[in-house]
Amino acid sequence: MDYQRIVFSGHAIKQMFQRQIGRDEVKAVLEHGEVIAEYPDDRPYPSYLMLGIVNQRPIHAVVARDVETQTIFVVTVYEPDEDLWQADFKTRKKYELCNL
């Protein structure tokens, strides 16, 4: 994803610290990762869910992008949970509700 500037939200910084994900890892996701979901109606900017594999570790980053200023706003970053995502980490698992 093209950008001139990255802005990390307070939430993203907190999550990165808790999850031991560094700025360089997030930059690698932005530069070499893949957009796996788009949210064009998000405001104030469209947002995206990106997947990158950094040092054999899958990382998801939710980012918003201001095209005019070429600024990426990092909303949150996390390692996808294998219980919630397929093995490719691109597809959410579907669960059926059961009657108890």
N, C-alpha and C. Protein backbone atom coordinates (compact mmCIF):
# COMPACT_ATOMS: atom_id res chain seq x y z
N MET A 1 0.85 -1.16 0.00
CA MET A 1 0.00 0.00 0.00
C MET A 1 0.90 1.23 0.00
N ASP A 2 0.63 2.16 -0.89
CA ASP A 2 1.44 3.37 -0.98
C ASP A 2 1.10 4.34 0.15
N TYR A 3 2.13 4.94 0.71
CA TYR A 3 1.92 5.94 1.76
C TYR A 3 3.16 6.81 1.89
N GLN A 4 2.96 8.00 2.41
CA GLN A 4 4.06 8.91 2.73
C GLN A 4 4.27 9.00 4.23
N ARG A 5 3.18 8.74 4.98
CA ARG A 5 3.22 8.93 6.43
C ARG A 5 2.36 7.86 7.09
N ILE A 6 2.80 7.41 8.26
CA ILE A 6 2.03 6.46 9.07
C ILE A 6 1.71 7.13 10.40
N VAL A 7 0.45 7.01 10.82
CA VAL A 7 0.03 7.50 12.13
C VAL A 7 -0.54 6.31 12.89
N PHE A 8 0.01 6.03 14.06
CA PHE A 8 -0.47 4.93 14.89
C PHE A 8 -1.45 5.48 15.92
N SER A 9 -2.63 4.89 15.99
CA SER A 9 -3.60 5.30 17.02
C SER A 9 -3.08 4.84 18.39
N GLY A 10 -3.59 5.48 19.44
CA GLY A 10 -3.23 5.06 20.79
C GLY A 10 -3.60 3.60 21.02
N HIS A 11 -4.76 3.20 20.49
CA HIS A 11 -5.21 1.81 20.62
C HIS A 11 -4.21 0.86 19.94
N ALA A 12 -3.76 1.23 18.73
CA ALA A 12 -2.82 0.38 18.01
C ALA A 12 -1.51 0.23 18.79
N ILE A 13 -1.02 1.33 19.32
CA ILE A 13 0.24 1.28 20.07
C ILE A 13 0.10 0.37 21.29
N LYS A 14 -1.01 0.50 21.99
CA LYS A 14 -1.25 -0.35 23.17
C LYS A 14 -1.31 -1.82 22.77
N GLN A 15 -2.04 -2.12 21.70
CA GLN A 15 -2.17 -3.51 21.25
C GLN A 15 -0.83 -4.06 20.76
N MET A 16 -0.07 -3.24 20.06
CA MET A 16 1.24 -3.68 19.59
C MET A 16 2.15 -4.02 20.76
N PHE A 17 2.13 -3.18 21.79
CA PHE A 17 2.95 -3.44 22.97
C PHE A 17 2.52 -4.74 23.64
N GLN A 18 1.22 -4.91 23.85
CA GLN A 18 0.71 -6.10 24.52
C GLN A 18 0.99 -7.37 23.71
N ARG A 19 0.97 -7.24 22.40
CA ARG A 19 1.11 -8.41 21.52
C ARG A 19 2.52 -8.57 20.97
N GLN A 20 3.42 -7.73 21.42
CA GLN A 20 4.83 -7.77 21.01
C GLN A 20 4.98 -7.73 19.49
N ILE A 21 4.32 -6.73 18.91
CA ILE A 21 4.42 -6.48 17.47
C ILE A 21 5.08 -5.11 17.31
N GLY A 22 6.22 -5.08 16.62
CA GLY A 22 6.96 -3.83 16.47
C GLY A 22 6.54 -3.00 15.28
N ARG A 23 6.97 -1.74 15.29
CA ARG A 23 6.66 -0.82 14.19
C ARG A 23 7.18 -1.35 12.86
N ASP A 24 8.39 -1.94 12.87
CA ASP A 24 8.95 -2.47 11.63
C ASP A 24 8.11 -3.61 11.08
N GLU A 25 7.52 -4.40 11.97
CA GLU A 25 6.65 -5.48 11.51
C GLU A 25 5.39 -4.92 10.86
N VAL A 26 4.85 -3.86 11.45
CA VAL A 26 3.66 -3.23 10.88
C VAL A 26 4.00 -2.62 9.52
N LYS A 27 5.15 -1.96 9.42
CA LYS A 27 5.58 -1.40 8.14
C LYS A 27 5.73 -2.49 7.09
N ALA A 28 6.24 -3.66 7.48
CA ALA A 28 6.37 -4.78 6.54
C ALA A 28 5.00 -5.23 6.04
N VAL A 29 4.01 -5.26 6.92
CA VAL A 29 2.65 -5.62 6.51
C VAL A 29 2.13 -4.59 5.51
N LEU A 30 2.33 -3.30 5.79
CA LEU A 30 1.87 -2.25 4.89
C LEU A 30 2.55 -2.31 3.54
N GLU A 31 3.83 -2.62 3.52
CA GLU A 31 4.60 -2.59 2.28
C GLU A 31 4.49 -3.87 1.47
N HIS A 32 4.32 -5.02 2.14
CA HIS A 32 4.35 -6.28 1.42
C HIS A 32 3.11 -7.14 1.64
N GLY A 33 2.23 -6.67 2.52
CA GLY A 33 1.05 -7.46 2.85
C GLY A 33 -0.03 -7.36 1.78
N GLU A 34 -1.12 -8.02 2.07
CA GLU A 34 -2.24 -8.13 1.14
C GLU A 34 -3.51 -7.62 1.81
N VAL A 35 -4.29 -6.85 1.07
CA VAL A 35 -5.59 -6.41 1.56
C VAL A 35 -6.55 -7.59 1.45
N ILE A 36 -7.11 -8.02 2.59
CA ILE A 36 -8.02 -9.17 2.55
C ILE A 36 -9.47 -8.76 2.78
N ALA A 37 -9.71 -7.51 3.19
CA ALA A 37 -11.08 -7.00 3.32
C ALA A 37 -11.03 -5.48 3.17
N GLU A 38 -12.06 -4.95 2.52
CA GLU A 38 -12.16 -3.51 2.33
C GLU A 38 -13.46 -3.00 2.95
N TYR A 39 -13.37 -1.84 3.56
CA TYR A 39 -14.53 -1.20 4.19
C TYR A 39 -14.64 0.22 3.63
N PRO A 40 -15.12 0.36 2.39
CA PRO A 40 -15.11 1.65 1.71
C PRO A 40 -16.00 2.72 2.34
N ASP A 41 -16.99 2.29 3.13
CA ASP A 41 -17.91 3.26 3.74
C ASP A 41 -17.46 3.76 5.11
N ASP A 42 -16.34 3.25 5.61
CA ASP A 42 -15.84 3.72 6.90
C ASP A 42 -15.49 5.20 6.81
N ARG A 43 -15.67 5.89 7.91
CA ARG A 43 -15.40 7.32 7.96
C ARG A 43 -14.43 7.62 9.09
N PRO A 44 -13.56 8.57 8.98
CA PRO A 44 -13.53 9.56 7.91
C PRO A 44 -12.83 9.07 6.65
N TYR A 45 -12.18 7.89 6.69
CA TYR A 45 -11.48 7.36 5.53
C TYR A 45 -11.85 5.89 5.34
N PRO A 46 -11.81 5.41 4.11
CA PRO A 46 -12.01 3.97 3.90
C PRO A 46 -10.95 3.19 4.67
N SER A 47 -11.32 2.01 5.15
CA SER A 47 -10.35 1.21 5.89
C SER A 47 -10.20 -0.16 5.27
N TYR A 48 -9.16 -0.86 5.71
CA TYR A 48 -8.77 -2.13 5.11
C TYR A 48 -8.25 -3.06 6.19
N LEU A 49 -8.49 -4.34 6.00
CA LEU A 49 -7.86 -5.37 6.82
C LEU A 49 -6.75 -5.96 5.98
N MET A 50 -5.54 -5.88 6.49
CA MET A 50 -4.38 -6.39 5.75
C MET A 50 -3.77 -7.58 6.47
N LEU A 51 -3.21 -8.49 5.68
CA LEU A 51 -2.49 -9.66 6.20
C LEU A 51 -1.07 -9.61 5.68
N GLY A 52 -0.14 -9.78 6.58
CA GLY A 52 1.25 -9.93 6.20
C GLY A 52 1.86 -11.06 7.01
N ILE A 53 2.81 -11.74 6.41
CA ILE A 53 3.57 -12.77 7.13
C ILE A 53 4.95 -12.19 7.36
N VAL A 54 5.28 -11.97 8.62
CA VAL A 54 6.54 -11.33 8.98
C VAL A 54 7.30 -12.28 9.89
N ASN A 55 8.47 -12.71 9.45
CA ASN A 55 9.26 -13.67 10.21
C ASN A 55 8.43 -14.90 10.56
N GLN A 56 7.69 -15.40 9.58
CA GLN A 56 6.83 -16.59 9.70
C GLN A 56 5.68 -16.40 10.68
N ARG A 57 5.36 -15.18 11.00
CA ARG A 57 4.27 -14.85 11.92
C ARG A 57 3.19 -14.10 11.16
N PRO A 58 1.95 -14.61 11.15
CA PRO A 58 0.87 -13.88 10.49
C PRO A 58 0.47 -12.67 11.32
N ILE A 59 0.28 -11.55 10.66
CA ILE A 59 -0.13 -10.33 11.35
C ILE A 59 -1.25 -9.66 10.55
N HIS A 60 -2.32 -9.31 11.26
CA HIS A 60 -3.41 -8.53 10.68
C HIS A 60 -3.24 -7.08 11.14
N ALA A 61 -3.47 -6.16 10.21
CA ALA A 61 -3.48 -4.74 10.54
C ALA A 61 -4.74 -4.13 9.95
N VAL A 62 -5.48 -3.41 10.78
CA VAL A 62 -6.62 -2.65 10.30
C VAL A 62 -6.13 -1.22 10.15
N VAL A 63 -6.24 -0.71 8.92
CA VAL A 63 -5.73 0.62 8.62
C VAL A 63 -6.77 1.43 7.85
N ALA A 64 -6.71 2.74 8.03
CA ALA A 64 -7.52 3.66 7.24
C ALA A 64 -6.54 4.46 6.39
N ARG A 65 -7.01 4.88 5.22
CA ARG A 65 -6.10 5.54 4.28
C ARG A 65 -6.69 6.84 3.76
N ASP A 66 -5.94 7.93 3.95
CA ASP A 66 -6.27 9.23 3.38
C ASP A 66 -5.48 9.34 2.09
N VAL A 67 -6.15 9.18 0.97
CA VAL A 67 -5.49 9.17 -0.33
C VAL A 67 -4.87 10.53 -0.64
N GLU A 68 -5.56 11.61 -0.28
CA GLU A 68 -5.07 12.95 -0.60
C GLU A 68 -3.71 13.24 0.03
N THR A 69 -3.54 12.88 1.29
CA THR A 69 -2.27 13.17 1.97
C THR A 69 -1.34 11.96 1.99
N GLN A 70 -1.80 10.84 1.43
CA GLN A 70 -1.06 9.58 1.44
C GLN A 70 -0.64 9.19 2.86
N THR A 71 -1.61 9.33 3.78
CA THR A 71 -1.38 8.98 5.18
C THR A 71 -2.13 7.70 5.49
N ILE A 72 -1.45 6.78 6.16
CA ILE A 72 -2.06 5.56 6.65
C ILE A 72 -2.25 5.71 8.16
N PHE A 73 -3.46 5.45 8.62
CA PHE A 73 -3.77 5.47 10.05
C PHE A 73 -3.91 4.03 10.51
N VAL A 74 -3.02 3.59 11.37
CA VAL A 74 -3.08 2.22 11.88
C VAL A 74 -4.06 2.21 13.05
N VAL A 75 -5.15 1.46 12.89
CA VAL A 75 -6.22 1.42 13.88
C VAL A 75 -5.92 0.37 14.94
N THR A 76 -5.56 -0.83 14.49
CA THR A 76 -5.19 -1.91 15.41
C THR A 76 -4.35 -2.93 14.66
N VAL A 77 -3.62 -3.73 15.43
CA VAL A 77 -2.74 -4.76 14.88
C VAL A 77 -2.83 -5.98 15.79
N TYR A 78 -2.90 -7.16 15.19
CA TYR A 78 -2.98 -8.36 16.01
C TYR A 78 -2.54 -9.58 15.22
N GLU A 79 -2.22 -10.64 15.94
CA GLU A 79 -1.94 -11.94 15.32
C GLU A 79 -3.27 -12.69 15.26
N PRO A 80 -3.70 -13.08 14.06
CA PRO A 80 -5.02 -13.72 13.94
C PRO A 80 -5.09 -15.03 14.72
N ASP A 81 -6.22 -15.24 15.38
CA ASP A 81 -6.47 -16.42 16.19
C ASP A 81 -6.84 -17.59 15.27
N GLU A 82 -6.12 -18.70 15.39
CA GLU A 82 -6.37 -19.87 14.56
C GLU A 82 -7.76 -20.45 14.78
N ASP A 83 -8.38 -20.16 15.92
CA ASP A 83 -9.74 -20.64 16.17
C ASP A 83 -10.77 -19.84 15.38
N LEU A 84 -10.41 -18.62 14.96
CA LEU A 84 -11.35 -17.75 14.25
C LEU A 84 -11.09 -17.65 12.75
N TRP A 85 -9.87 -18.02 12.33
CA TRP A 85 -9.46 -17.86 10.94
C TRP A 85 -9.05 -19.19 10.32
N GLN A 86 -9.33 -19.35 9.03
CA GLN A 86 -8.86 -20.52 8.29
C GLN A 86 -7.33 -20.51 8.27
N ALA A 87 -6.73 -21.60 7.83
CA ALA A 87 -5.27 -21.75 7.84
C ALA A 87 -4.56 -20.68 7.00
N ASP A 88 -5.27 -20.11 6.01
CA ASP A 88 -4.65 -19.06 5.19
C ASP A 88 -4.66 -17.69 5.86
N PHE A 89 -5.36 -17.58 6.99
CA PHE A 89 -5.52 -16.34 7.76
C PHE A 89 -6.20 -15.23 6.97
N LYS A 90 -6.84 -15.60 5.84
CA LYS A 90 -7.55 -14.64 5.00
C LYS A 90 -9.05 -14.78 5.14
N THR A 91 -9.49 -15.94 5.58
CA THR A 91 -10.91 -16.27 5.61
C THR A 91 -11.33 -16.59 7.03
N ARG A 92 -12.39 -15.90 7.48
CA ARG A 92 -12.91 -16.18 8.82
C ARG A 92 -13.63 -17.52 8.80
N LYS A 93 -13.48 -18.27 9.87
CA LYS A 93 -14.23 -19.51 10.01
C LYS A 93 -15.68 -19.18 10.26
N LYS A 94 -16.55 -20.04 9.77
CA LYS A 94 -17.98 -19.85 10.00
C LYS A 94 -18.42 -20.83 11.05
N TYR A 95 -19.16 -20.31 11.98
CA TYR A 95 -19.67 -21.14 13.06
C TYR A 95 -21.18 -21.13 13.00
N GLU A 96 -21.75 -22.28 13.26
CA GLU A 96 -23.20 -22.38 13.32
C GLU A 96 -23.63 -22.32 14.76
N LEU A 97 -24.72 -21.62 15.00
CA LEU A 97 -25.26 -21.57 16.35
C LEU A 97 -25.96 -22.88 16.63
N CYS A 98 -25.78 -23.38 17.81
CA CYS A 98 -26.46 -24.62 18.15
C CYS A 98 -27.53 -24.34 19.22
N ASN A 99 -28.54 -25.15 19.21
CA ASN A 99 -29.61 -25.02 20.20
C ASN A 99 -29.21 -25.79 21.44
N LEU A 100 -29.24 -25.15 22.56
CA LEU A 100 -28.90 -25.81 23.82
C LEU A 100 -30.12 -25.99 24.66
